[in-house]
Amino acid sequence: MLLDTNAYTAIMLNKPQVVELIKSAHEIMLPIPVIAELKQGFILGSQLQRNEQYFADFLSQQHVIIANPVLETARISADISSYCRKRGRVLSHNDLWIAALAIEHDTRLVTYDRDFMALSDRLGDKLVLLDD
């Protein structure tokens, strides 16, 4: 399973829906764009050290891995960007990378972000849209 930024935040807030999902996960992937968004939030927030420590603890878990983009990720990202534009939808660059990594790794994308619905036919049942 691959987490979007808001799904990681929900874990830290102990939201039951996402906590239940990760309990059954054999592997949790955090894409580099998600890590960048989290780090920016930590810097802009008022609890940098606490958030950095929680994040380091999360990353140190054996089943948590960092998903790095490669050339194939770039090809998929370009493909889904074109796909969305042809349908009148524009996703942020980070969302494109996140979706591309989920597609590349053939894993579930866990998010609260409804923008990913633009890729629902590409992600299929691998798109897990959470709600509060």
C-alpha atoms as a PDB file:
ATOM      1  CA  MET A   1       0.000   0.000   0.000  1.00  0.00           C
ATOM      2  CA  LEU A   2       1.216   3.481  -0.860  1.00  0.00           C
ATOM      3  CA  LEU A   3       0.280   6.429   1.347  1.00  0.00           C
ATOM      4  CA  ASP A   4      -0.576   9.925   0.215  1.00  0.00           C
ATOM      5  CA  THR A   5       0.458  12.792   2.498  1.00  0.00           C
ATOM      6  CA  ASN A   6      -2.967  13.118   4.092  1.00  0.00           C
ATOM      7  CA  ALA A   7      -3.093   9.375   4.841  1.00  0.00           C
ATOM      8  CA  TYR A   8       0.208   9.598   6.750  1.00  0.00           C
ATOM      9  CA  THR A   9      -1.181  12.576   8.670  1.00  0.00           C
ATOM     10  CA  ALA A  10      -4.325  10.573   9.473  1.00  0.00           C
ATOM     11  CA  ILE A  11      -2.147   7.806  10.915  1.00  0.00           C
ATOM     12  CA  MET A  12      -0.419  10.329  13.167  1.00  0.00           C
ATOM     13  CA  LEU A  13      -3.864  11.593  14.231  1.00  0.00           C
ATOM     14  CA  ASN A  14      -4.882   7.982  14.922  1.00  0.00           C
ATOM     15  CA  LYS A  15      -7.905   8.109  12.586  1.00  0.00           C
ATOM     16  CA  PRO A  16      -9.539   4.677  12.812  1.00  0.00           C
ATOM     17  CA  GLN A  17     -10.228   4.129   9.099  1.00  0.00           C
ATOM     18  CA  VAL A  18      -6.596   4.487   8.017  1.00  0.00           C
ATOM     19  CA  VAL A  19      -5.176   2.854  11.154  1.00  0.00           C
ATOM     20  CA  GLU A  20      -7.235  -0.278  10.398  1.00  0.00           C
ATOM     21  CA  LEU A  21      -5.951  -0.332   6.818  1.00  0.00           C
ATOM     22  CA  ILE A  22      -2.299  -0.185   7.790  1.00  0.00           C
ATOM     23  CA  LYS A  23      -2.663  -2.915  10.425  1.00  0.00           C
ATOM     24  CA  SER A  24      -3.192  -5.449   7.649  1.00  0.00           C
ATOM     25  CA  ALA A  25      -0.522  -4.063   5.303  1.00  0.00           C
ATOM     26  CA  HIS A  26       2.535  -6.180   4.639  1.00  0.00           C
ATOM     27  CA  GLU A  27       4.303  -3.174   3.145  1.00  0.00           C
ATOM     28  CA  ILE A  28       3.753   0.566   3.441  1.00  0.00           C
ATOM     29  CA  MET A  29       5.306   2.740   0.763  1.00  0.00           C
ATOM     30  CA  LEU A  30       5.998   6.436   1.157  1.00  0.00           C
ATOM     31  CA  PRO A  31       6.772   8.193  -2.132  1.00  0.00           C
ATOM     32  CA  ILE A  32       9.482  10.842  -2.195  1.00  0.00           C
ATOM     33  CA  PRO A  33       6.906  13.561  -3.124  1.00  0.00           C
ATOM     34  CA  VAL A  34       4.923  12.652   0.003  1.00  0.00           C
ATOM     35  CA  ILE A  35       8.063  12.923   2.111  1.00  0.00           C
ATOM     36  CA  ALA A  36       8.786  16.346   0.585  1.00  0.00           C
ATOM     37  CA  GLU A  37       5.259  17.542   1.386  1.00  0.00           C
ATOM     38  CA  LEU A  38       5.525  16.229   4.936  1.00  0.00           C
ATOM     39  CA  LYS A  39       8.913  17.866   5.492  1.00  0.00           C
ATOM     40  CA  GLN A  40       7.546  21.180   4.234  1.00  0.00           C
ATOM     41  CA  GLY A  41       4.635  20.869   6.650  1.00  0.00           C
ATOM     42  CA  PHE A  42       6.997  20.091   9.508  1.00  0.00           C
ATOM     43  CA  ILE A  43       9.115  23.163   8.727  1.00  0.00           C
ATOM     44  CA  LEU A  44       6.101  25.447   8.450  1.00  0.00           C
ATOM     45  CA  GLY A  45       4.477  24.028  11.582  1.00  0.00           C
ATOM     46  CA  SER A  46       5.129  24.709  15.228  1.00  0.00           C
ATOM     47  CA  GLN A  47       6.327  21.223  16.271  1.00  0.00           C
ATOM     48  CA  LEU A  48       9.215  20.490  13.924  1.00  0.00           C
ATOM     49  CA  GLN A  49      11.262  18.300  16.267  1.00  0.00           C
ATOM     50  CA  ARG A  50       8.291  16.267  17.469  1.00  0.00           C
ATOM     51  CA  ASN A  51       7.054  15.676  13.912  1.00  0.00           C
ATOM     52  CA  GLU A  52      10.543  14.768  12.691  1.00  0.00           C
ATOM     53  CA  GLN A  53      10.925  12.255  15.536  1.00  0.00           C
ATOM     54  CA  TYR A  54       7.532  10.636  14.842  1.00  0.00           C
ATOM     55  CA  PHE A  55       8.433  10.477  11.173  1.00  0.00           C
ATOM     56  CA  ALA A  56      11.835   8.909  11.860  1.00  0.00           C
ATOM     57  CA  ASP A  57      10.143   6.330  14.098  1.00  0.00           C
ATOM     58  CA  PHE A  58       7.596   5.576  11.363  1.00  0.00           C
ATOM     59  CA  LEU A  59      10.303   5.160   8.713  1.00  0.00           C
ATOM     60  CA  SER A  60      12.312   2.849  10.955  1.00  0.00           C
ATOM     61  CA  GLN A  61       9.564   0.211  10.912  1.00  0.00           C
ATOM     62  CA  GLN A  62      10.611  -2.822   8.939  1.00  0.00           C
ATOM     63  CA  HIS A  63       7.563  -2.819   6.650  1.00  0.00           C
ATOM     64  CA  VAL A  64       7.858   0.875   5.692  1.00  0.00           C
ATOM     65  CA  ILE A  65       9.813   1.640   2.528  1.00  0.00           C
ATOM     66  CA  ILE A  66      10.543   4.770   0.530  1.00  0.00           C
ATOM     67  CA  ALA A  67       9.294   4.688  -3.065  1.00  0.00           C
ATOM     68  CA  ASN A  68      11.770   6.409  -5.347  1.00  0.00           C
ATOM     69  CA  PRO A  69      10.871   7.393  -8.904  1.00  0.00           C
ATOM     70  CA  VAL A  70      12.861   5.888 -11.776  1.00  0.00           C
ATOM     71  CA  LEU A  71      12.647   6.234 -15.569  1.00  0.00           C
ATOM     72  CA  GLU A  72       9.557   4.009 -15.716  1.00  0.00           C
ATOM     73  CA  THR A  73       7.876   6.248 -13.136  1.00  0.00           C
ATOM     74  CA  ALA A  74       8.561   9.254 -15.352  1.00  0.00           C
ATOM     75  CA  ARG A  75       6.993   7.497 -18.345  1.00  0.00           C
ATOM     76  CA  ILE A  76       3.885   6.603 -16.348  1.00  0.00           C
ATOM     77  CA  SER A  77       3.651  10.121 -14.910  1.00  0.00           C
ATOM     78  CA  ALA A  78       3.810  11.657 -18.403  1.00  0.00           C
ATOM     79  CA  ASP A  79       1.194   9.198 -19.629  1.00  0.00           C
ATOM     80  CA  ILE A  80      -1.293   9.917 -16.849  1.00  0.00           C
ATOM     81  CA  SER A  81      -0.655  13.654 -17.082  1.00  0.00           C
ATOM     82  CA  SER A  82      -1.595  13.565 -20.772  1.00  0.00           C
ATOM     83  CA  TYR A  83      -4.566  11.341 -19.988  1.00  0.00           C
ATOM     84  CA  CYS A  84      -5.873  13.819 -17.401  1.00  0.00           C
ATOM     85  CA  ARG A  85      -5.317  16.888 -19.581  1.00  0.00           C
ATOM     86  CA  LYS A  86      -7.262  15.311 -22.439  1.00  0.00           C
ATOM     87  CA  ARG A  87     -10.162  14.968 -20.017  1.00  0.00           C
ATOM     88  CA  GLY A  88      -9.879  18.533 -18.751  1.00  0.00           C
ATOM     89  CA  ARG A  89      -8.271  17.629 -15.433  1.00  0.00           C
ATOM     90  CA  VAL A  90      -4.918  18.816 -14.199  1.00  0.00           C
ATOM     91  CA  LEU A  91      -3.289  17.138 -11.224  1.00  0.00           C
ATOM     92  CA  SER A  92      -0.423  18.631  -9.263  1.00  0.00           C
ATOM     93  CA  HIS A  93       3.032  17.378 -10.157  1.00  0.00           C
ATOM     94  CA  ASN A  94       3.305  15.650  -6.794  1.00  0.00           C
ATOM     95  CA  ASP A  95      -0.035  13.886  -7.274  1.00  0.00           C
ATOM     96  CA  LEU A  96       1.107  12.691 -10.701  1.00  0.00           C
ATOM     97  CA  TRP A  97       4.307  11.231  -9.223  1.00  0.00           C
ATOM     98  CA  ILE A  98       2.371   9.632  -6.359  1.00  0.00           C
ATOM     99  CA  ALA A  99      -0.156   8.039  -8.725  1.00  0.00           C
ATOM    100  CA  ALA A 100       2.605   6.936 -11.101  1.00  0.00           C
ATOM    101  CA  LEU A 101       4.444   5.189  -8.270  1.00  0.00           C
ATOM    102  CA  ALA A 102       1.239   3.419  -7.197  1.00  0.00           C
ATOM    103  CA  ILE A 103       0.631   2.256 -10.776  1.00  0.00           C
ATOM    104  CA  GLU A 104       4.254   1.233 -11.281  1.00  0.00           C
ATOM    105  CA  HIS A 105       4.289  -0.839  -8.096  1.00  0.00           C
ATOM    106  CA  ASP A 106       0.756  -2.157  -8.684  1.00  0.00           C
ATOM    107  CA  THR A 107      -0.264  -1.249  -5.161  1.00  0.00           C
ATOM    108  CA  ARG A 108      -3.150   0.498  -3.447  1.00  0.00           C
ATOM    109  CA  LEU A 109      -3.024   4.285  -3.201  1.00  0.00           C
ATOM    110  CA  VAL A 110      -4.519   5.368   0.136  1.00  0.00           C
ATOM    111  CA  THR A 111      -5.683   8.986   0.227  1.00  0.00           C
ATOM    112  CA  TYR A 112      -8.363  11.448   1.256  1.00  0.00           C
ATOM    113  CA  ASP A 113      -7.676  13.507  -1.890  1.00  0.00           C
ATOM    114  CA  ARG A 114     -10.627  13.311  -4.304  1.00  0.00           C
ATOM    115  CA  ASP A 115      -8.437  14.721  -7.112  1.00  0.00           C
ATOM    116  CA  PHE A 116      -7.226  11.162  -7.654  1.00  0.00           C
ATOM    117  CA  MET A 117     -10.733  10.282  -8.893  1.00  0.00           C
ATOM    118  CA  ALA A 118      -9.503  11.634 -12.254  1.00  0.00           C
ATOM    119  CA  LEU A 119      -7.457   8.424 -12.413  1.00  0.00           C
ATOM    120  CA  SER A 120     -10.077   6.040 -11.045  1.00  0.00           C
ATOM    121  CA  ASP A 121     -10.232   4.044 -14.279  1.00  0.00           C
ATOM    122  CA  ARG A 122      -6.413   3.757 -14.306  1.00  0.00           C
ATOM    123  CA  LEU A 123      -6.098   2.892 -10.625  1.00  0.00           C
ATOM    124  CA  GLY A 124      -9.302   0.836 -10.441  1.00  0.00           C
ATOM    125  CA  ASP A 125      -9.878  -0.873  -7.114  1.00  0.00           C
ATOM    126  CA  LYS A 126      -6.333   0.112  -6.089  1.00  0.00           C
ATOM    127  CA  LEU A 127      -7.611   3.627  -5.337  1.00  0.00           C
ATOM    128  CA  VAL A 128      -8.652   3.717  -1.689  1.00  0.00           C
ATOM    129  CA  LEU A 129     -10.456   6.989  -1.003  1.00  0.00           C
ATOM    130  CA  LEU A 130     -10.873   7.574   2.700  1.00  0.00           C
ATOM    131  CA  ASP A 131     -13.476   9.774   4.332  1.00  0.00           C
ATOM    132  CA  ASP A 132     -13.799  11.184   7.807  1.00  0.00           C
END
